């Protein structure tokens, strides 16, 4: 709150005029006691009771009260507010304090204080509150509501594709299904087909067609072609057996299917043990064992000197050919039969100039004394770079120190003082 400067100046001038007028009449009340009065600087006796105790002192004591007790003496303005005396009143200027009110006692609260916007939302303060600008994926007054993926839980059925929307979802059905969730099967014309003799039924939009097996023809493959085995399609050495209406293929071991063209996967039953890889072969399988196992199905564990992992600290274990011993190939920084000994990289005293060596795995670190640096403390720090000497003095570098050679007329550790003869 800030008052107009002209108004403030006029109020102050009015107070000064009242005080001047009262001092002129002060002599007439010098011997009068106004209540429990105390002498004012101008000799008038006045306090809070003077205006009602003696009529003769009323005007003078009003002046004395202004002189003795300016309203700002009681420091009514709080929180750093500036106080101005205005006649018998005061005015608090709260600007810049973050407070308001007659006494600057009310804190101006930032509605965004406390960060009300959640989940990364940005808070914007307004005249009547705040508004949250939510991050993507959130909504609500305080961005407290997560916008869920409407396709969570896979609501679409029968292999349909779920398309997520703002508050709902759409199911994109396979050709054979319909409905909101693709829950209804469109009637398959092949369900009641009349294809015979091993024919395959293919559904169309409203009807079906029969694809006949070799040796048959007709709309429903109902007509047998004489000598059907002549052009038979039995594969992989299968034997064709002609029938009255069709032929059949007798498959050799390792094959299956109407034409014996499907390889039987001998790995389908997972015959290999201990995480071995199964390789399907003709009428057989092969198990590729992991290290440490053997046998046709990798069922036998191979016990070697390395089986119990004797090598330490990341070393690799090796058993030489036809040996009962093992060899550990140590990681950098270790040695010993089992790689259990940390190599002391400080043994060769690599640190120079009294540097202290600290051993690490496969390395070391030098803690240099003052004045030296570098991986091995091999570099003398040049304390003369930049030149610390004043007045064009020459700098001589030392160990963790320097000295200045002053030009004539200068003295001091840095040649900063001008030499004066006494």
Protein backbone atom coordinates (compact mmCIF):
# COMPACT_ATOMS: atom_id res chain seq x y z
CA UNK A 1 0.00 0.00 0.00
CA UNK A 2 1.47 3.40 -1.01
CA UNK A 3 -0.15 6.84 -0.40
CA UNK A 4 0.12 9.71 -2.80
CA UNK A 5 3.25 11.77 -1.97
CA UNK A 6 1.37 15.07 -2.06
CA UNK A 7 -1.25 13.84 0.43
CA UNK A 8 1.44 12.57 2.78
CA UNK A 9 3.35 15.90 2.65
CA UNK A 10 0.18 17.89 3.39
CA UNK A 11 -0.56 15.73 6.44
CA UNK A 12 2.93 16.21 7.84
CA UNK A 13 2.72 20.02 7.36
CA UNK A 14 -0.61 20.06 9.24
CA UNK A 15 0.93 18.24 12.20
CA UNK A 16 3.83 20.71 12.37
CA UNK A 17 1.39 23.66 12.38
CA UNK A 18 -0.61 22.15 15.26
CA UNK A 19 2.55 21.56 17.27
CA UNK A 20 3.71 25.18 16.73
CA UNK A 21 0.39 26.57 17.90
CA UNK A 22 0.38 24.45 21.03
CA UNK A 23 3.89 25.40 22.10
CA UNK A 24 2.85 29.09 22.15
CA UNK A 25 0.21 28.34 24.82
CA UNK A 26 2.29 25.86 26.76
CA UNK A 27 3.25 28.40 29.49
CA UNK A 28 -0.33 28.65 30.74
CA UNK A 29 -0.38 24.94 31.63
CA UNK A 30 3.13 24.49 32.98
CA UNK A 31 1.94 24.14 36.55
CA UNK A 32 -1.10 22.00 35.69
CA UNK A 33 -0.94 18.26 36.29
CA UNK A 34 -2.79 16.37 33.58
CA UNK A 35 -3.63 13.02 35.13
CA UNK A 36 -0.47 10.99 35.83
CA UNK A 37 1.47 13.32 33.67
CA UNK A 38 5.14 13.34 32.79
CA UNK A 39 6.90 16.51 31.62
CA UNK A 40 7.14 16.86 27.87
CA UNK A 41 10.22 18.37 26.22
CA UNK A 42 8.49 21.74 25.92
CA UNK A 43 7.48 21.82 29.63
CA UNK A 44 3.82 20.74 29.16
CA UNK A 45 2.51 17.99 31.43
CA UNK A 46 0.50 15.51 29.39
CA UNK A 47 -0.32 11.86 28.86
CA UNK A 48 -3.23 9.71 27.74
CA UNK A 49 -5.56 11.32 30.33
CA UNK A 50 -4.84 14.98 29.71
CA UNK A 51 -7.62 15.51 27.19
CA UNK A 52 -10.34 14.60 29.73
CA UNK A 53 -8.77 15.81 33.00
CA UNK A 54 -8.32 19.53 32.40
CA UNK A 55 -10.09 21.51 29.72
CA UNK A 56 -7.43 24.18 29.85
CA UNK A 57 -4.82 21.66 28.76
CA UNK A 58 -6.83 19.89 26.08
CA UNK A 59 -5.40 21.61 23.05
CA UNK A 60 -1.87 21.87 24.47
CA UNK A 61 -1.77 18.23 25.56
CA UNK A 62 -2.94 17.09 22.15
CA UNK A 63 0.13 18.83 20.79
CA UNK A 64 2.29 17.36 23.56
CA UNK A 65 0.93 13.89 22.88
CA UNK A 66 1.94 14.19 19.25
CA UNK A 67 5.39 15.40 20.31
CA UNK A 68 5.87 12.86 23.13
CA UNK A 69 4.22 9.80 21.64
CA UNK A 70 4.30 9.61 17.83
CA UNK A 71 2.12 6.69 16.69
CA UNK A 72 5.04 4.92 15.00
CA UNK A 73 6.98 4.75 18.30
CA UNK A 74 5.05 1.60 19.16
CA UNK A 75 6.22 -0.03 15.89
CA UNK A 76 2.76 -1.13 14.77
CA UNK A 77 3.90 -2.17 11.29
CA UNK A 78 4.98 -5.82 11.15
CA UNK A 79 7.13 -7.93 8.81
CA UNK A 80 9.39 -5.05 7.75
CA UNK A 81 6.60 -2.66 6.73
CA UNK A 82 7.52 1.08 6.67
CA UNK A 83 5.62 3.25 9.23
CA UNK A 84 4.53 6.87 8.57
CA UNK A 85 3.12 9.24 11.30
CA UNK A 86 -0.08 10.97 10.10
CA UNK A 87 -1.43 13.34 12.86
CA UNK A 88 -2.70 10.96 15.59
CA UNK A 89 -2.60 7.96 13.32
CA UNK A 90 -0.01 5.89 11.43
CA UNK A 91 0.23 4.43 7.95
CA UNK A 92 1.98 1.11 7.14
CA UNK A 93 3.56 0.70 3.69
CA UNK A 94 3.66 -3.09 3.06
CA UNK A 95 5.10 -3.00 -0.46
CA UNK A 96 7.83 -5.57 -1.06
CA UNK A 97 7.23 -7.43 2.23
CA UNK A 98 5.00 -10.19 0.90
CA UNK A 99 2.29 -9.10 3.39
CA UNK A 100 -0.81 -6.90 3.43
CA UNK A 101 -3.36 -5.40 5.89
CA UNK A 102 -3.33 -2.34 8.17
CA UNK A 103 -0.36 -3.72 10.14
CA UNK A 104 1.25 -5.67 7.24
CA UNK A 105 0.28 -8.72 9.29
CA UNK A 106 -1.48 -10.80 6.63
CA UNK A 107 0.81 -12.99 4.56
CA UNK A 108 0.09 -12.91 0.81
CA UNK A 109 -0.15 -16.61 0.00
CA UNK A 110 1.06 -17.92 -3.40
CA UNK A 111 -1.64 -20.41 -4.46
CA UNK A 112 1.09 -22.50 -6.12
CA UNK A 113 3.06 -22.77 -2.87
CA UNK A 114 3.20 -26.37 -1.76
CA UNK A 115 3.21 -27.60 -5.37
CA UNK A 116 -0.45 -28.71 -5.57
CA UNK A 117 -0.09 -30.06 -9.12
CA UNK A 118 0.85 -33.74 -9.08
CA UNK A 119 2.63 -36.07 -11.51
CA UNK A 120 4.82 -33.38 -13.10
CA UNK A 121 1.97 -30.89 -13.71
CA UNK A 122 2.85 -27.17 -14.05
CA UNK A 123 1.11 -24.74 -11.63
CA UNK A 124 -0.05 -21.32 -12.88
CA UNK A 125 -1.20 -18.80 -10.21
CA UNK A 126 -4.31 -16.71 -10.90
CA UNK A 127 -6.30 -14.02 -9.11
CA UNK A 128 -8.72 -16.52 -7.62
CA UNK A 129 -6.52 -19.60 -7.23
CA UNK A 130 -4.35 -21.75 -9.46
CA UNK A 131 -4.63 -23.97 -12.53
CA UNK A 132 -2.64 -27.12 -13.31
CA UNK A 133 -1.28 -27.87 -16.79
CA UNK A 134 -1.02 -31.68 -16.68
CA UNK A 135 1.71 -33.80 -18.22
CA UNK A 136 0.71 -36.23 -20.95
CA UNK A 137 -1.21 -39.19 -19.55
CA UNK A 138 -2.76 -37.32 -16.57
CA UNK A 139 -5.89 -35.23 -15.91
CA UNK A 140 -7.91 -33.78 -12.99
CA UNK A 141 -7.79 -30.44 -11.11
CA UNK A 142 -4.43 -31.41 -9.59
CA UNK A 143 -3.38 -33.84 -12.36
CA UNK A 144 -4.06 -36.62 -9.87
CA UNK A 145 -5.92 -38.90 -12.30
CA UNK A 146 -3.94 -41.17 -14.59
CA UNK A 147 -5.52 -41.61 -18.03
CA UNK A 148 -5.50 -45.37 -18.26
CA UNK A 149 -4.85 -47.33 -21.46
CA UNK A 150 -8.38 -48.49 -22.32
CA UNK A 151 -6.93 -51.60 -23.92
CA UNK A 152 -5.36 -52.83 -20.67
CA UNK A 153 -6.61 -56.29 -19.82
CA UNK A 154 -6.96 -57.16 -23.55
CA UNK A 155 -10.77 -56.83 -23.72
CA UNK A 156 -11.01 -57.88 -27.36
CA UNK A 157 -11.56 -61.60 -27.94
CA UNK A 158 -10.61 -64.18 -30.54
CA UNK A 159 -7.33 -62.57 -31.60
CA UNK A 160 -8.90 -59.18 -32.42
CA UNK A 161 -6.78 -56.00 -32.39
CA UNK A 162 -7.65 -53.44 -29.68
CA UNK A 163 -7.54 -49.74 -30.68
CA UNK A 164 -7.31 -47.52 -27.57
CA UNK A 165 -9.31 -44.27 -27.43
CA UNK A 166 -9.65 -41.43 -24.92
CA UNK A 167 -12.28 -43.09 -22.76
CA UNK A 168 -13.12 -46.28 -24.65
CA UNK A 169 -11.71 -48.76 -27.15
CA UNK A 170 -12.58 -50.35 -30.48
CA UNK A 171 -12.02 -54.00 -31.39
CA UNK A 172 -10.82 -54.71 -34.94
CA UNK A 173 -12.16 -58.23 -35.55
CA UNK A 174 -10.75 -61.09 -37.60
CA UNK A 175 -12.82 -61.97 -40.69
CA UNK A 176 -14.53 -64.84 -38.87
CA UNK A 177 -15.81 -62.80 -35.88
CA UNK A 178 -18.05 -59.82 -35.13
CA UNK A 179 -19.52 -57.94 -32.14
CA UNK A 180 -18.26 -55.15 -29.83
CA UNK A 181 -15.63 -57.49 -28.38
CA UNK A 182 -15.44 -59.73 -31.47
CA UNK A 183 -17.18 -62.31 -29.34
CA UNK A 184 -19.55 -63.65 -32.01
CA UNK A 185 -18.43 -66.17 -34.60
CA UNK A 186 -19.69 -65.48 -38.09
CA UNK A 187 -21.29 -68.67 -39.34
CA UNK A 188 -18.65 -70.73 -41.13
CA UNK A 189 -20.07 -72.26 -44.34
CA UNK A 190 -17.52 -75.03 -43.95
CA UNK A 191 -19.13 -76.18 -40.70
CA UNK A 192 -21.68 -78.26 -42.61
CA UNK A 193 -19.68 -78.81 -45.79
CA UNK A 194 -20.20 -81.82 -48.03
CA UNK A 195 -16.60 -82.25 -49.22
CA UNK A 196 -15.62 -85.92 -49.22
CA UNK A 197 -12.68 -88.20 -49.87
CA UNK A 198 -10.17 -86.15 -47.90
CA UNK A 199 -11.01 -82.90 -49.67
CA UNK A 200 -10.20 -79.58 -47.96
CA UNK A 201 -13.02 -77.06 -47.46
CA UNK A 202 -12.21 -73.38 -48.09
CA UNK A 203 -14.72 -70.84 -46.83
CA UNK A 204 -15.81 -67.94 -48.98
CA UNK A 205 -17.87 -64.90 -48.19
CA UNK A 206 -21.20 -66.72 -48.37
CA UNK A 207 -20.27 -70.22 -49.56
CA UNK A 208 -17.40 -72.72 -49.67
CA UNK A 209 -15.37 -74.69 -52.23
CA UNK A 210 -13.85 -78.17 -52.03
CA UNK A 211 -10.20 -78.72 -52.93
CA UNK A 212 -9.98 -82.38 -53.86
CA UNK A 213 -7.29 -84.81 -52.83
CA UNK A 214 -5.37 -86.50 -55.66
CA UNK A 215 -7.52 -89.09 -57.47
CA UNK A 216 -10.80 -87.28 -56.97
CA UNK A 217 -12.87 -84.67 -58.76
CA UNK A 218 -16.35 -83.12 -58.74
CA UNK A 219 -17.95 -80.24 -56.83
CA UNK A 220 -17.68 -82.18 -53.59
CA UNK A 221 -14.74 -84.38 -54.74
CA UNK A 222 -17.18 -87.24 -54.86
CA UNK A 223 -15.93 -88.68 -58.16
CA UNK A 224 -12.99 -91.11 -58.02
CA UNK A 225 -10.43 -90.94 -60.78
CA UNK A 226 -9.49 -94.47 -61.91
CA UNK A 227 -5.85 -95.49 -61.24
CA UNK A 228 -5.41 -92.74 -58.66
CA UNK A 229 -2.03 -94.05 -57.50
CA UNK A 230 -0.52 -93.40 -60.95
CA UNK A 231 -0.34 -89.68 -60.20
CA UNK A 232 -0.16 -89.98 -56.43
CA UNK A 233 1.58 -87.30 -54.36
CA UNK A 234 2.99 -89.50 -51.61
CA UNK A 235 6.40 -88.10 -50.61
CA UNK A 236 9.61 -89.10 -48.81
CA UNK A 237 9.48 -92.72 -49.90
CA UNK A 238 5.91 -93.30 -48.77
CA UNK A 239 3.97 -96.21 -50.24
CA UNK A 240 0.75 -95.44 -52.13
CA UNK A 241 -2.16 -97.76 -51.34
CA UNK A 242 -5.08 -97.50 -53.73
CA UNK A 243 -8.59 -97.77 -52.33
CA UNK A 244 -12.02 -98.06 -53.79
CA UNK A 245 -12.62 -94.31 -53.66
CA UNK A 246 -9.21 -92.88 -52.78
CA UNK A 247 -5.63 -93.78 -52.10
CA UNK A 248 -3.60 -93.53 -48.93
CA UNK A 249 0.10 -92.91 -48.26
CA UNK A 250 1.90 -95.24 -45.87
CA UNK A 251 4.64 -93.11 -44.32
CA UNK A 252 8.18 -94.32 -43.52
CA UNK A 253 9.62 -93.70 -40.01
CA UNK A 254 10.12 -89.99 -39.24
CA UNK A 255 7.30 -88.72 -41.48
CA UNK A 256 3.56 -88.05 -41.10
CA UNK A 257 0.66 -86.37 -42.88
CA UNK A 258 -1.66 -87.34 -45.73
CA UNK A 259 1.21 -87.19 -48.23
CA UNK A 260 3.94 -88.03 -45.65
CA UNK A 261 5.43 -84.58 -46.16
CA UNK A 262 5.51 -83.52 -42.48
CA UNK A 263 8.69 -84.31 -40.57
CA UNK A 264 8.02 -85.74 -37.11
CA UNK A 265 9.78 -83.45 -34.63
CA UNK A 266 11.57 -85.81 -32.27
CA UNK A 267 12.51 -82.80 -30.10
CA UNK A 268 8.87 -82.02 -29.39
CA UNK A 269 8.89 -84.05 -26.18
CA UNK A 270 12.08 -82.27 -24.90
CA UNK A 271 14.17 -85.42 -24.56
CA UNK A 272 17.43 -83.59 -23.62
CA UNK A 273 18.33 -82.83 -19.96
CA UNK A 274 20.32 -80.14 -18.10
CA UNK A 275 19.53 -77.24 -20.49
CA UNK A 276 20.97 -79.07 -23.48
CA UNK A 277 19.93 -77.99 -26.99
CA UNK A 278 17.87 -80.54 -28.95
CA UNK A 279 18.58 -80.85 -32.70
CA UNK A 280 15.85 -82.60 -34.70
CA UNK A 281 17.12 -85.21 -37.18
CA UNK A 282 15.50 -87.67 -39.53
CA UNK A 283 13.72 -90.18 -37.31
CA UNK A 284 15.98 -89.18 -34.42
CA UNK A 285 17.39 -86.28 -32.38
CA UNK A 286 20.76 -85.08 -31.07
CA UNK A 287 21.40 -83.37 -27.72
CA UNK A 288 24.07 -80.66 -27.69
CA UNK A 289 25.24 -80.62 -24.07
CA UNK A 290 26.42 -77.58 -22.14
CA UNK A 291 29.83 -77.65 -20.47
CA UNK A 292 30.00 -80.14 -17.63
CA UNK A 293 27.49 -82.72 -18.94
CA UNK A 294 27.61 -85.71 -21.28
CA UNK A 295 25.52 -88.67 -22.44
CA UNK A 296 23.02 -89.14 -25.29
CA UNK A 297 20.53 -86.98 -23.42
CA UNK A 298 23.20 -84.95 -21.49
CA UNK A 299 22.06 -86.69 -18.35
CA UNK A 300 25.52 -87.32 -16.85
CA UNK A 301 27.50 -84.61 -15.04
CA UNK A 302 31.22 -84.51 -15.78
CA UNK A 303 33.18 -84.08 -12.55
CA UNK A 304 36.45 -82.15 -13.14
CA UNK A 305 38.89 -80.28 -10.91
CA UNK A 306 37.10 -77.09 -12.05
CA UNK A 307 33.64 -78.30 -11.05
CA UNK A 308 33.81 -76.61 -7.64
CA UNK A 309 35.09 -73.27 -8.99
CA UNK A 310 38.43 -73.06 -7.17
CA UNK A 311 39.59 -69.98 -9.09
CA UNK A 312 38.78 -66.64 -7.41
CA UNK A 313 38.38 -62.95 -8.29
CA UNK A 314 36.94 -63.50 -11.76
CA UNK A 315 39.60 -65.96 -12.90
CA UNK A 316 38.84 -68.66 -15.50
CA UNK A 317 39.50 -72.33 -14.70
CA UNK A 318 41.10 -74.73 -17.20
CA UNK A 319 41.78 -78.46 -16.97
CA UNK A 320 44.68 -79.52 -19.22
CA UNK A 321 44.02 -82.50 -21.46
CA UNK A 322 43.79 -85.77 -19.46
CA UNK A 323 44.91 -84.02 -16.28
CA UNK A 324 43.63 -84.27 -12.74
CA UNK A 325 44.78 -80.71 -11.92
CA UNK A 326 43.49 -77.29 -12.90
CA UNK A 327 45.01 -73.98 -13.99
CA UNK A 328 43.58 -70.59 -13.01
CA UNK A 329 43.93 -67.76 -15.52
CA UNK A 330 43.88 -64.69 -13.27
CA UNK A 331 42.18 -61.39 -13.99
CA UNK A 332 44.51 -58.32 -14.09
CA UNK A 333 45.75 -57.36 -10.63
CA UNK A 334 45.69 -60.87 -9.08
CA UNK A 335 48.10 -63.78 -8.79
CA UNK A 336 48.48 -67.08 -6.95
CA UNK A 337 47.39 -70.65 -7.68
CA UNK A 338 43.73 -69.70 -7.14
CA UNK A 339 44.18 -66.02 -8.09
CA UNK A 340 43.51 -65.11 -4.45
CA UNK A 341 46.48 -62.71 -4.01
CA UNK A 342 46.16 -59.02 -4.87
CA UNK A 343 49.34 -57.91 -6.66
CA UNK A 344 50.98 -55.02 -4.76
CA UNK A 345 51.38 -52.41 -7.50
CA UNK A 346 53.24 -50.18 -5.01
CA UNK A 347 56.05 -52.70 -4.55
CA UNK A 348 58.21 -50.92 -7.14
CA UNK A 349 57.73 -47.54 -5.38
CA UNK A 350 56.45 -45.78 -8.50
CA UNK A 351 55.59 -42.53 -6.72
CA UNK A 352 58.34 -39.87 -6.92
CA UNK A 353 59.23 -36.89 -4.76
CA UNK A 354 58.07 -38.48 -1.48
CA UNK A 355 54.61 -39.24 -2.86
CA UNK A 356 52.62 -41.89 -0.94
CA UNK A 357 51.58 -44.93 -3.03
CA UNK A 358 48.05 -46.36 -2.57
CA UNK A 359 47.58 -49.85 -4.02
CA UNK A 360 44.49 -50.69 -6.11
CA UNK A 361 43.46 -53.78 -8.05
CA UNK A 362 45.58 -53.79 -11.22
CA UNK A 363 46.83 -50.27 -10.51
CA UNK A 364 47.93 -47.69 -7.94
CA UNK A 365 47.42 -44.06 -6.99
CA UNK A 366 50.02 -41.53 -5.82
CA UNK A 367 49.17 -39.04 -3.05
CA UNK A 368 51.63 -36.21 -3.78
CA UNK A 369 53.22 -33.89 -1.22
CA UNK A 370 52.55 -30.16 -1.65
CA UNK A 371 54.36 -28.73 -4.65
CA UNK A 372 54.13 -31.82 -6.90
CA UNK A 373 51.52 -33.35 -9.20
CA UNK A 374 51.15 -35.92 -11.99
CA UNK A 375 50.30 -39.66 -11.97
CA UNK A 376 53.64 -40.40 -10.27
CA UNK A 377 54.10 -36.97 -8.59
CA UNK A 378 56.79 -36.34 -11.18
CA UNK A 379 55.74 -32.76 -12.01
CA UNK A 380 56.94 -29.80 -9.89
CA UNK A 381 54.06 -27.34 -9.68
CA UNK A 382 55.25 -23.94 -10.97
CA UNK A 383 54.14 -21.48 -8.28
CA UNK A 384 55.36 -18.67 -10.55
CA UNK A 385 52.64 -19.33 -13.13
CA UNK A 386 50.92 -16.94 -13.03
CA UNK A 387 53.54 -14.54 -11.64
CA UNK A 388 52.55 -13.64 -8.04
CA UNK A 389 55.22 -10.88 -7.75
CA UNK A 390 54.25 -7.23 -8.11
CA UNK A 391 56.00 -4.29 -9.77
CA UNK A 392 57.70 -6.34 -12.53
CA UNK A 393 59.69 -8.40 -10.01
CA UNK A 394 61.16 -11.73 -11.20
CA UNK A 395 59.71 -14.89 -9.66
CA UNK A 396 61.91 -17.89 -8.67
CA UNK A 397 59.94 -21.15 -8.40
CA UNK A 398 60.62 -23.40 -5.40
CA UNK A 399 59.04 -26.54 -3.98
CA UNK A 400 55.53 -25.52 -2.92
CA UNK A 401 56.84 -21.95 -2.66
CA UNK A 402 58.31 -19.04 -4.60
CA UNK A 403 60.48 -15.97 -4.05
CA UNK A 404 60.39 -12.56 -5.67
CA UNK A 405 63.52 -10.69 -6.86
CA UNK A 406 62.48 -7.05 -6.47
CA UNK A 407 63.55 -4.24 -8.74
CA UNK A 408 65.35 -1.33 -7.08
CA UNK A 409 62.99 0.76 -5.01
CA UNK A 410 60.67 -2.09 -3.98
CA UNK A 411 60.62 -4.55 -1.10
CA UNK A 412 58.35 -7.13 0.59
CA UNK A 413 57.61 -10.82 -0.02
CA UNK A 414 55.87 -9.94 -3.29
CA UNK A 415 57.75 -6.63 -3.93
CA UNK A 416 54.50 -4.82 -3.26
CA UNK A 417 56.00 -2.19 -0.94
CA UNK A 418 57.96 0.81 -2.19
CA UNK A 419 61.33 1.13 -0.42
CA UNK A 420 61.76 4.37 1.47
CA UNK A 421 65.03 5.57 2.89
CA UNK A 422 64.84 6.89 6.45
